[in-house]
Amino acid sequence: MEMISKNTKAIEYSKIRKMFNKALEYEDPISFTIGEPDFNAAENVVRAGCEAMRQGKSKYSENAGILPLRQAVSDDLRTEIQVDYDPNSEIVITPGAMAALYQGLKVILDPGDEVIVMEPCWTNYMQQIRMCGGVPVSVPADAENRFSLDMAAIEAAVTERTKALIINSPCNPTGAVLDRPVLEQLAALVTERGLLIISDEVYKHILFDDRSFISIASLPGMKSRTLVVDSFSKTFAMTGFRVGYGAGPAQWVANITKLQENISACAAMPCQYAAVEALTGSREHVRHMVESYGKRRDYLAKRLAAMPLIRYEPSQGTFYGFIDIRATGLSSEEFAMKLLAEKQVVVVPGDAFGDGGEGYIRVSFATSMEQIQKGMDAMEDFLRALSEKGEQ
């Protein structure tokens, strides 16, 4: 008898993690792989978590999370996306946004149900859909239009088995931000076809060039069809705290909460109190981080513009750059492995984000400016040598 199930055997480690592990074979590599802020959580947030533990707030919480945090999330969503959520029935606190995504899918999918995902995308979406017995359906984003949604392709992908769509704006890996006209078209389609939306909004505070964020849940009639998923990891540099949430229709949220009781019980209580402080305390730390990401993005864009064989449109949001390397003649994986071997610079091949990412690489600028400068120097040398070799 086989110990490991077929479902689990089908799950693969991501190429992001594979590149991260491959880089460990080299001494002092310059890594642009993992999407984690290089900042620590704000001191007031850390103090709030520590104080909660000192006060004995280190037990199990309600499965849906402590009410002060659900109330803080409700208040924040009212301000940030102009949607009212009842903290008693329409918000569930989860151990990170990944739990909200997985449990949000698990409670709506029956075996064989299809979920449309736009590529390139964070590939955990695909894995989680399969883990829930669903079928991921990939639809390429419009690469010639800054990776916006291709509405004709999405409409063509809808079948009688389609249950939901996942959208991610600002997008990992492309840095694209969906604008209102596109979201309105998508809202009209899902309403007409009776579909659901999972809106991954974990990067919504990391925006550049005075760009504004619009949640599809804020459009008329869409709150009842949308599960908003967010996290404290990226915005507040709290990746290790493992706190996220889902906000949506009461029936959807109640069943996520029921599922959570049987998986993890709840998010860690001290971390929930730290998250309350993150939402209700000063946002100066967040403003500083986003300002720093903006400066790094600008530097990255300036350096990449001077390099041969590549093209980069500055990211509209997130802390990722998605770079077109098709003119090199190398596949994404070939480029990434060659750059690592020759210059010890670690990037993520675009096909790690699905077939729609082939011909691109992703770099994370959630690292120090010193590392970015060193990495860009090495990449420029690499590309110039590649260009000269091609001219011979």
Protein backbone atom coordinates (compact mmCIF):
# COMPACT_ATOMS: atom_id res chain seq x y z
CA MET A 1 0.00 0.00 0.00
CA GLU A 2 1.29 3.44 -0.93
CA MET A 3 1.91 5.72 2.05
CA ILE A 4 1.54 9.02 0.16
CA SER A 5 -1.69 9.92 -1.63
CA LYS A 6 -1.81 10.64 -5.36
CA ASN A 7 -3.16 14.10 -4.57
CA THR A 8 -0.10 14.92 -2.46
CA LYS A 9 2.33 13.39 -4.94
CA ALA A 10 0.97 15.76 -7.56
CA ILE A 11 2.07 18.77 -5.49
CA GLU A 12 5.43 20.17 -6.54
CA TYR A 13 7.87 22.53 -4.91
CA SER A 14 7.82 25.90 -6.63
CA LYS A 15 10.65 26.99 -8.91
CA ILE A 16 11.04 29.99 -6.62
CA ARG A 17 12.06 27.67 -3.81
CA LYS A 18 14.14 25.55 -6.19
CA MET A 19 16.16 28.60 -7.27
CA PHE A 20 16.53 29.67 -3.64
CA ASN A 21 17.89 26.22 -2.76
CA LYS A 22 20.14 26.08 -5.84
CA ALA A 23 21.71 29.38 -4.79
CA LEU A 24 22.82 27.77 -1.52
CA GLU A 25 25.43 25.88 -3.55
CA TYR A 26 27.25 29.16 -4.16
CA GLU A 27 29.21 31.33 -1.76
CA ASP A 28 27.58 34.70 -1.06
CA PRO A 29 25.08 34.81 -3.96
CA ILE A 30 23.05 37.95 -4.68
CA SER A 31 19.45 36.84 -4.31
CA PHE A 32 16.39 38.46 -5.87
CA THR A 33 14.12 35.48 -5.21
CA ILE A 34 11.94 35.43 -2.11
CA GLY A 35 9.24 38.07 -1.82
CA GLU A 36 9.78 39.07 1.78
CA PRO A 37 10.33 42.62 3.07
CA ASP A 38 13.88 43.25 4.24
CA PHE A 39 12.42 45.43 7.00
CA ASN A 40 11.44 44.26 10.46
CA ALA A 41 7.96 44.77 11.87
CA ALA A 42 7.42 48.19 13.46
CA GLU A 43 8.45 48.45 17.10
CA ASN A 44 4.93 49.33 18.28
CA VAL A 45 3.63 46.17 16.61
CA VAL A 46 6.30 44.02 18.24
CA ARG A 47 5.56 45.59 21.64
CA ALA A 48 1.85 44.89 21.26
CA GLY A 49 2.51 41.20 20.62
CA CYS A 50 4.90 40.95 23.56
CA GLU A 51 2.50 42.79 25.87
CA ALA A 52 -0.31 40.43 24.88
CA MET A 53 1.82 37.48 25.97
CA ARG A 54 2.75 39.16 29.25
CA GLN A 55 -0.95 39.71 29.93
CA GLY A 56 -1.72 36.05 29.37
CA LYS A 57 -3.32 36.58 25.97
CA SER A 58 -1.62 33.47 24.67
CA LYS A 59 -4.50 30.98 24.59
CA TYR A 60 -6.78 29.78 21.81
CA SER A 61 -8.92 32.53 20.35
CA GLU A 62 -12.30 32.19 18.71
CA ASN A 63 -11.96 30.22 15.50
CA ALA A 64 -12.82 33.36 13.53
CA GLY A 65 -10.22 35.41 15.42
CA ILE A 66 -10.43 37.92 18.26
CA LEU A 67 -13.22 40.45 17.87
CA PRO A 68 -10.91 43.49 18.31
CA LEU A 69 -8.97 42.39 15.22
CA ARG A 70 -12.08 41.61 13.18
CA GLN A 71 -13.40 45.06 14.11
CA ALA A 72 -10.09 46.68 13.13
CA VAL A 73 -10.16 44.84 9.80
CA SER A 74 -13.76 45.97 9.24
CA ASP A 75 -12.84 49.59 9.97
CA ASP A 76 -9.79 49.37 7.71
CA LEU A 77 -11.73 47.89 4.79
CA ARG A 78 -14.37 50.58 5.12
CA THR A 79 -11.61 53.19 4.77
CA GLU A 80 -9.41 51.46 2.20
CA ILE A 81 -11.88 49.87 -0.23
CA GLN A 82 -15.16 51.55 0.81
CA VAL A 83 -16.96 48.30 1.63
CA ASP A 84 -18.72 47.55 4.93
CA TYR A 85 -18.15 44.12 6.48
CA ASP A 86 -19.83 42.91 9.66
CA PRO A 87 -17.00 41.90 12.02
CA ASN A 88 -19.28 39.32 13.63
CA SER A 89 -20.15 37.37 10.50
CA GLU A 90 -18.26 38.53 7.40
CA ILE A 91 -14.59 38.45 8.51
CA VAL A 92 -12.40 35.51 9.52
CA ILE A 93 -8.82 35.84 10.76
CA THR A 94 -6.53 33.10 9.42
CA PRO A 95 -2.92 31.93 9.90
CA GLY A 96 -1.70 33.99 6.96
CA ALA A 97 -3.43 34.83 3.69
CA MET A 98 -2.46 31.42 2.31
CA ALA A 99 -4.86 29.80 4.78
CA ALA A 100 -7.65 32.17 3.75
CA LEU A 101 -7.04 31.29 0.09
CA TYR A 102 -6.93 27.54 0.66
CA GLN A 103 -9.91 27.42 2.98
CA GLY A 104 -11.81 29.84 0.76
CA LEU A 105 -11.34 27.47 -2.17
CA LYS A 106 -12.00 24.32 -0.15
CA VAL A 107 -15.45 25.40 0.97
CA ILE A 108 -16.72 26.25 -2.53
CA LEU A 109 -15.17 23.53 -4.71
CA ASP A 110 -16.57 20.12 -5.49
CA PRO A 111 -14.40 17.63 -7.41
CA GLY A 112 -13.99 18.75 -11.00
CA ASP A 113 -15.08 22.35 -10.44
CA GLU A 114 -12.98 24.78 -12.45
CA VAL A 115 -11.25 27.93 -11.25
CA ILE A 116 -9.93 30.43 -13.79
CA VAL A 117 -6.53 31.91 -12.99
CA MET A 118 -4.73 34.57 -14.99
CA GLU A 119 -1.11 33.77 -15.89
CA PRO A 120 1.54 34.67 -15.04
CA CYS A 121 0.49 34.17 -11.43
CA TRP A 122 1.63 33.06 -8.02
CA THR A 123 1.62 29.33 -8.69
CA ASN A 124 0.39 28.34 -5.23
CA TYR A 125 -3.04 29.18 -6.66
CA MET A 126 -2.76 26.20 -9.01
CA GLN A 127 -1.52 23.87 -6.30
CA GLN A 128 -4.24 24.90 -3.86
CA ILE A 129 -7.01 24.46 -6.44
CA ARG A 130 -5.79 20.92 -7.15
CA MET A 131 -5.44 20.17 -3.43
CA CYS A 132 -9.12 21.08 -3.09
CA GLY A 133 -10.13 18.72 -5.90
CA GLY A 134 -10.67 21.52 -8.38
CA VAL A 135 -9.28 22.08 -11.86
CA PRO A 136 -7.19 25.20 -12.50
CA VAL A 137 -7.83 26.81 -15.88
CA SER A 138 -5.06 29.11 -17.04
CA VAL A 139 -5.82 32.20 -19.08
CA PRO A 140 -2.85 34.28 -20.29
CA ALA A 141 -2.89 37.93 -19.29
CA ASP A 142 -2.42 40.52 -22.02
CA ALA A 143 1.37 40.90 -22.05
CA GLU A 144 1.23 43.71 -24.59
CA ASN A 145 -1.08 45.70 -22.32
CA ARG A 146 0.97 45.57 -19.11
CA PHE A 147 -0.44 42.16 -18.26
CA SER A 148 -3.98 43.40 -17.85
CA LEU A 149 -6.88 40.98 -18.12
CA ASP A 150 -7.74 39.59 -21.55
CA MET A 151 -11.51 39.67 -21.21
CA ALA A 152 -12.19 37.81 -24.46
CA ALA A 153 -9.91 34.97 -23.36
CA ILE A 154 -11.51 34.86 -19.91
CA GLU A 155 -15.01 34.70 -21.38
CA ALA A 156 -13.95 31.92 -23.74
CA ALA A 157 -12.55 29.93 -20.79
CA VAL A 158 -15.83 29.90 -18.85
CA THR A 159 -17.62 26.54 -18.99
CA GLU A 160 -20.54 24.96 -17.15
CA ARG A 161 -18.00 23.66 -14.59
CA THR A 162 -16.50 27.08 -13.84
CA LYS A 163 -17.08 28.05 -10.20
CA ALA A 164 -14.76 30.97 -9.56
CA LEU A 165 -11.93 33.20 -10.73
CA ILE A 166 -8.87 34.31 -8.78
CA ILE A 167 -7.52 37.80 -9.38
CA ASN A 168 -4.44 39.39 -7.84
CA SER A 169 -3.97 43.15 -8.00
CA PRO A 170 -1.33 44.44 -7.60
CA CYS A 171 -0.01 41.28 -9.19
CA ASN A 172 2.81 38.96 -8.21
CA PRO A 173 4.87 38.58 -10.40
CA THR A 174 4.06 41.27 -12.98
CA GLY A 175 3.52 44.30 -10.74
CA ALA A 176 0.39 45.15 -12.75
CA VAL A 177 -2.58 46.92 -11.15
CA LEU A 178 -6.09 46.37 -12.52
CA ASP A 179 -7.99 49.56 -13.30
CA ARG A 180 -11.69 50.26 -12.88
CA PRO A 181 -12.83 49.70 -16.51
CA VAL A 182 -11.28 46.21 -16.58
CA LEU A 183 -12.73 45.33 -13.18
CA GLU A 184 -16.16 46.54 -14.31
CA GLN A 185 -16.00 44.28 -17.36
CA LEU A 186 -15.01 41.34 -15.18
CA ALA A 187 -17.78 42.11 -12.69
CA ALA A 188 -20.34 42.14 -15.50
CA LEU A 189 -19.12 38.76 -16.74
CA VAL A 190 -19.15 36.99 -13.37
CA THR A 191 -22.56 38.44 -12.55
CA GLU A 192 -24.00 37.27 -15.87
CA ARG A 193 -22.52 33.78 -15.47
CA GLY A 194 -23.17 33.41 -11.73
CA LEU A 195 -19.51 33.03 -10.74
CA LEU A 196 -17.50 33.84 -7.62
CA ILE A 197 -14.31 35.88 -7.22
CA ILE A 198 -11.38 35.42 -4.87
CA SER A 199 -9.53 38.74 -4.81
CA ASP A 200 -5.97 38.46 -3.49
CA GLU A 201 -5.17 41.97 -2.27
CA VAL A 202 -2.02 41.39 -0.22
CA TYR A 203 -0.01 44.03 -2.12
CA LYS A 204 -2.69 46.73 -2.24
CA HIS A 205 -0.69 49.18 -0.12
CA ILE A 206 2.48 48.85 -2.21
CA LEU A 207 1.67 51.20 -5.09
CA PHE A 208 3.78 53.69 -7.04
CA ASP A 209 3.31 56.90 -9.03
CA ASP A 210 0.28 58.00 -6.98
CA ARG A 211 -1.66 55.03 -8.31
CA SER A 212 -4.84 54.10 -6.45
CA PHE A 213 -6.16 50.64 -5.65
CA ILE A 214 -9.68 49.49 -6.51
CA SER A 215 -11.13 46.31 -5.05
CA ILE A 216 -13.60 44.45 -7.23
CA ALA A 217 -15.66 43.94 -4.05
CA SER A 218 -16.40 47.68 -4.07
CA LEU A 219 -18.24 47.53 -7.41
CA PRO A 220 -22.05 47.33 -7.40
CA GLY A 221 -23.31 43.84 -6.56
CA MET A 222 -19.83 42.34 -6.14
CA LYS A 223 -19.52 42.15 -2.36
CA SER A 224 -21.89 39.17 -2.36
CA ARG A 225 -19.75 37.34 -4.94
CA THR A 226 -16.25 38.15 -3.66
CA LEU A 227 -13.92 36.83 -1.00
CA VAL A 228 -11.32 39.50 -0.27
CA VAL A 229 -8.06 37.94 0.95
CA ASP A 230 -5.37 40.01 2.62
CA SER A 231 -2.36 39.61 4.86
CA PHE A 232 -0.25 41.53 7.34
CA SER A 233 2.92 40.01 5.90
CA LYS A 234 3.75 42.34 3.01
CA THR A 235 2.20 45.63 4.12
CA PHE A 236 3.47 45.52 7.70
CA ALA A 237 6.59 43.32 7.29
CA MET A 238 5.00 40.66 9.51
CA THR A 239 5.71 37.51 7.47
CA GLY A 240 6.61 35.41 10.51
CA PHE A 241 3.54 36.46 12.50
CA ARG A 242 1.30 34.46 10.13
CA VAL A 243 -1.83 36.57 10.27
CA GLY A 244 -4.19 37.14 7.36
CA TYR A 245 -7.92 37.28 6.78
CA GLY A 246 -10.83 36.65 4.49
CA ALA A 247 -13.75 39.07 4.15
CA GLY A 248 -16.85 38.14 2.23
CA PRO A 249 -20.42 36.84 2.28
CA ALA A 250 -21.46 35.49 5.69
CA GLN A 251 -22.13 31.99 4.36
CA TRP A 252 -18.68 31.77 2.76
CA VAL A 253 -16.95 33.13 5.87
CA ALA A 254 -18.90 30.87 8.26
CA ASN A 255 -17.80 27.80 6.36
CA ILE A 256 -14.18 28.95 6.22
CA THR A 257 -14.38 29.35 10.00
CA LYS A 258 -15.86 25.85 10.37
CA LEU A 259 -13.05 24.44 8.25
CA GLN A 260 -10.44 26.37 10.22
CA GLU A 261 -11.66 24.81 13.48
CA ASN A 262 -10.64 21.44 12.06
CA ILE A 263 -7.32 22.52 10.53
CA SER A 264 -5.54 25.09 12.69
CA ALA A 265 -8.19 26.25 15.21
CA CYS A 266 -7.11 29.88 14.96
CA ALA A 267 -4.28 32.27 14.27
CA ALA A 268 -1.86 32.74 17.19
CA MET A 269 -3.52 35.05 19.72
CA PRO A 270 -0.47 37.26 20.54
CA CYS A 271 0.07 37.80 16.81
CA GLN A 272 -3.56 38.83 16.43
CA TYR A 273 -3.07 41.54 19.05
CA ALA A 274 0.06 42.67 17.19
CA ALA A 275 -2.09 42.89 14.05
CA VAL A 276 -4.62 45.08 15.87
CA GLU A 277 -1.81 47.52 16.62
CA ALA A 278 -0.63 47.37 13.00
CA LEU A 279 -4.06 48.50 11.80
CA THR A 280 -4.87 51.02 14.53
CA GLY A 281 -1.42 52.45 15.30
CA SER A 282 0.90 54.68 13.29
CA ARG A 283 1.39 53.82 9.60
CA GLU A 284 4.65 55.75 9.37
CA HIS A 285 6.62 52.51 9.10
CA VAL A 286 4.47 51.42 6.15
CA ARG A 287 4.93 54.77 4.41
CA HIS A 288 8.69 54.50 4.89
CA MET A 289 8.81 51.00 3.43
CA VAL A 290 6.71 51.89 0.38
CA GLU A 291 8.84 54.99 -0.22
CA SER A 292 11.95 52.80 -0.08
CA TYR A 293 10.46 50.28 -2.50
CA GLY A 294 9.65 53.13 -4.87
CA LYS A 295 13.24 54.38 -4.85
CA ARG A 296 14.50 50.88 -5.48
CA ARG A 297 12.07 50.36 -8.34
CA ASP A 298 13.19 53.63 -9.92
CA TYR A 299 16.84 52.63 -9.60
CA LEU A 300 16.09 49.21 -11.05
CA ALA A 301 14.26 50.75 -14.01
CA LYS A 302 17.11 53.17 -14.69
CA ARG A 303 19.72 50.43 -14.65
CA LEU A 304 17.72 47.96 -16.71
CA ALA A 305 16.96 50.59 -19.37
CA ALA A 306 20.69 50.82 -20.09
CA MET A 307 21.15 47.07 -20.58
CA PRO A 308 20.97 45.26 -23.93
CA LEU A 309 18.56 42.46 -24.86
CA ILE A 310 15.96 43.13 -22.15
CA ARG A 311 12.91 45.31 -21.59
CA TYR A 312 11.30 46.39 -18.34
CA GLU A 313 8.19 48.48 -17.79
CA PRO A 314 8.37 49.88 -14.24
CA SER A 315 6.10 48.00 -11.87
CA GLN A 316 2.86 49.74 -10.94
CA GLY A 317 2.80 48.00 -7.56
CA THR A 318 4.34 45.18 -5.44
CA PHE A 319 8.08 44.88 -4.90
CA TYR A 320 8.75 42.78 -8.00
CA GLY A 321 10.14 43.57 -11.41
CA PHE A 322 9.06 41.36 -14.32
CA ILE A 323 11.70 41.63 -17.02
CA ASP A 324 11.31 40.63 -20.68
CA ILE A 325 14.37 38.58 -21.69
CA ARG A 326 13.01 37.11 -24.94
CA ALA A 327 15.57 38.94 -27.08
CA THR A 328 18.37 36.95 -25.44
CA GLY A 329 17.20 33.79 -27.20
CA LEU A 330 17.31 31.91 -23.90
CA SER A 331 14.39 30.35 -22.12
CA SER A 332 13.54 31.77 -18.72
CA GLU A 333 15.11 28.83 -16.94
CA GLU A 334 18.21 28.86 -19.13
CA PHE A 335 18.69 32.56 -18.45
CA ALA A 336 18.25 32.15 -14.69
CA MET A 337 20.61 29.19 -14.43
CA LYS A 338 23.25 30.80 -16.63
CA LEU A 339 23.11 34.06 -14.65
CA LEU A 340 23.48 32.12 -11.41
CA ALA A 341 26.38 30.01 -12.67
CA GLU A 342 28.31 32.91 -14.19
CA LYS A 343 27.51 35.81 -11.87
CA GLN A 344 25.99 34.21 -8.74
CA VAL A 345 22.88 36.36 -9.18
CA VAL A 346 19.64 34.56 -8.33
CA VAL A 347 16.42 35.46 -10.16
CA VAL A 348 13.21 33.51 -10.67
CA PRO A 349 12.48 32.19 -14.18
CA GLY A 350 9.18 33.48 -15.49
CA ASP A 351 7.82 30.01 -16.19
CA ALA A 352 7.74 29.50 -12.42
CA PHE A 353 4.52 31.53 -12.70
CA GLY A 354 3.00 29.39 -15.43
CA ASP A 355 3.46 29.15 -19.18
CA GLY A 356 2.37 32.79 -19.48
CA GLY A 357 5.60 33.83 -17.76
CA GLU A 358 7.95 32.19 -20.25
CA GLY A 359 10.36 34.72 -21.71
CA TYR A 360 10.53 36.75 -18.50
CA ILE A 361 12.36 36.72 -15.18
CA ARG A 362 11.18 38.07 -11.85
CA VAL A 363 13.41 40.03 -9.52
CA SER A 364 12.38 41.03 -6.02
CA PHE A 365 13.54 44.47 -4.92
CA ALA A 366 12.54 43.77 -1.33
CA THR A 367 16.23 43.77 -0.53
CA SER A 368 18.84 46.39 0.29
CA MET A 369 19.90 49.02 -2.24
CA GLU A 370 23.46 47.76 -1.88
CA GLN A 371 22.38 44.28 -2.97
CA ILE A 372 20.36 45.72 -5.85
CA GLN A 373 23.34 47.77 -7.05
CA LYS A 374 25.67 44.77 -6.91
CA GLY A 375 23.11 42.59 -8.66
CA MET A 376 22.51 45.13 -11.42
CA ASP A 377 26.26 45.53 -12.00
CA ALA A 378 26.60 41.78 -12.39
CA MET A 379 23.53 41.47 -14.61
CA GLU A 380 24.73 44.27 -16.88
CA ASP A 381 28.10 42.54 -17.31
CA PHE A 382 26.29 39.29 -18.06
CA LEU A 383 23.99 40.84 -20.66
CA ARG A 384 26.73 42.81 -22.39
CA ALA A 385 28.80 39.65 -22.73
CA LEU A 386 25.75 37.83 -24.07
CA SER A 387 25.08 40.63 -26.56
CA GLU A 388 28.68 40.74 -27.77
CA LYS A 389 28.72 36.98 -28.20
CA GLY A 390 25.58 37.19 -30.33
CA GLU A 391 27.15 39.82 -32.58
CA GLN A 392 30.22 37.72 -33.35
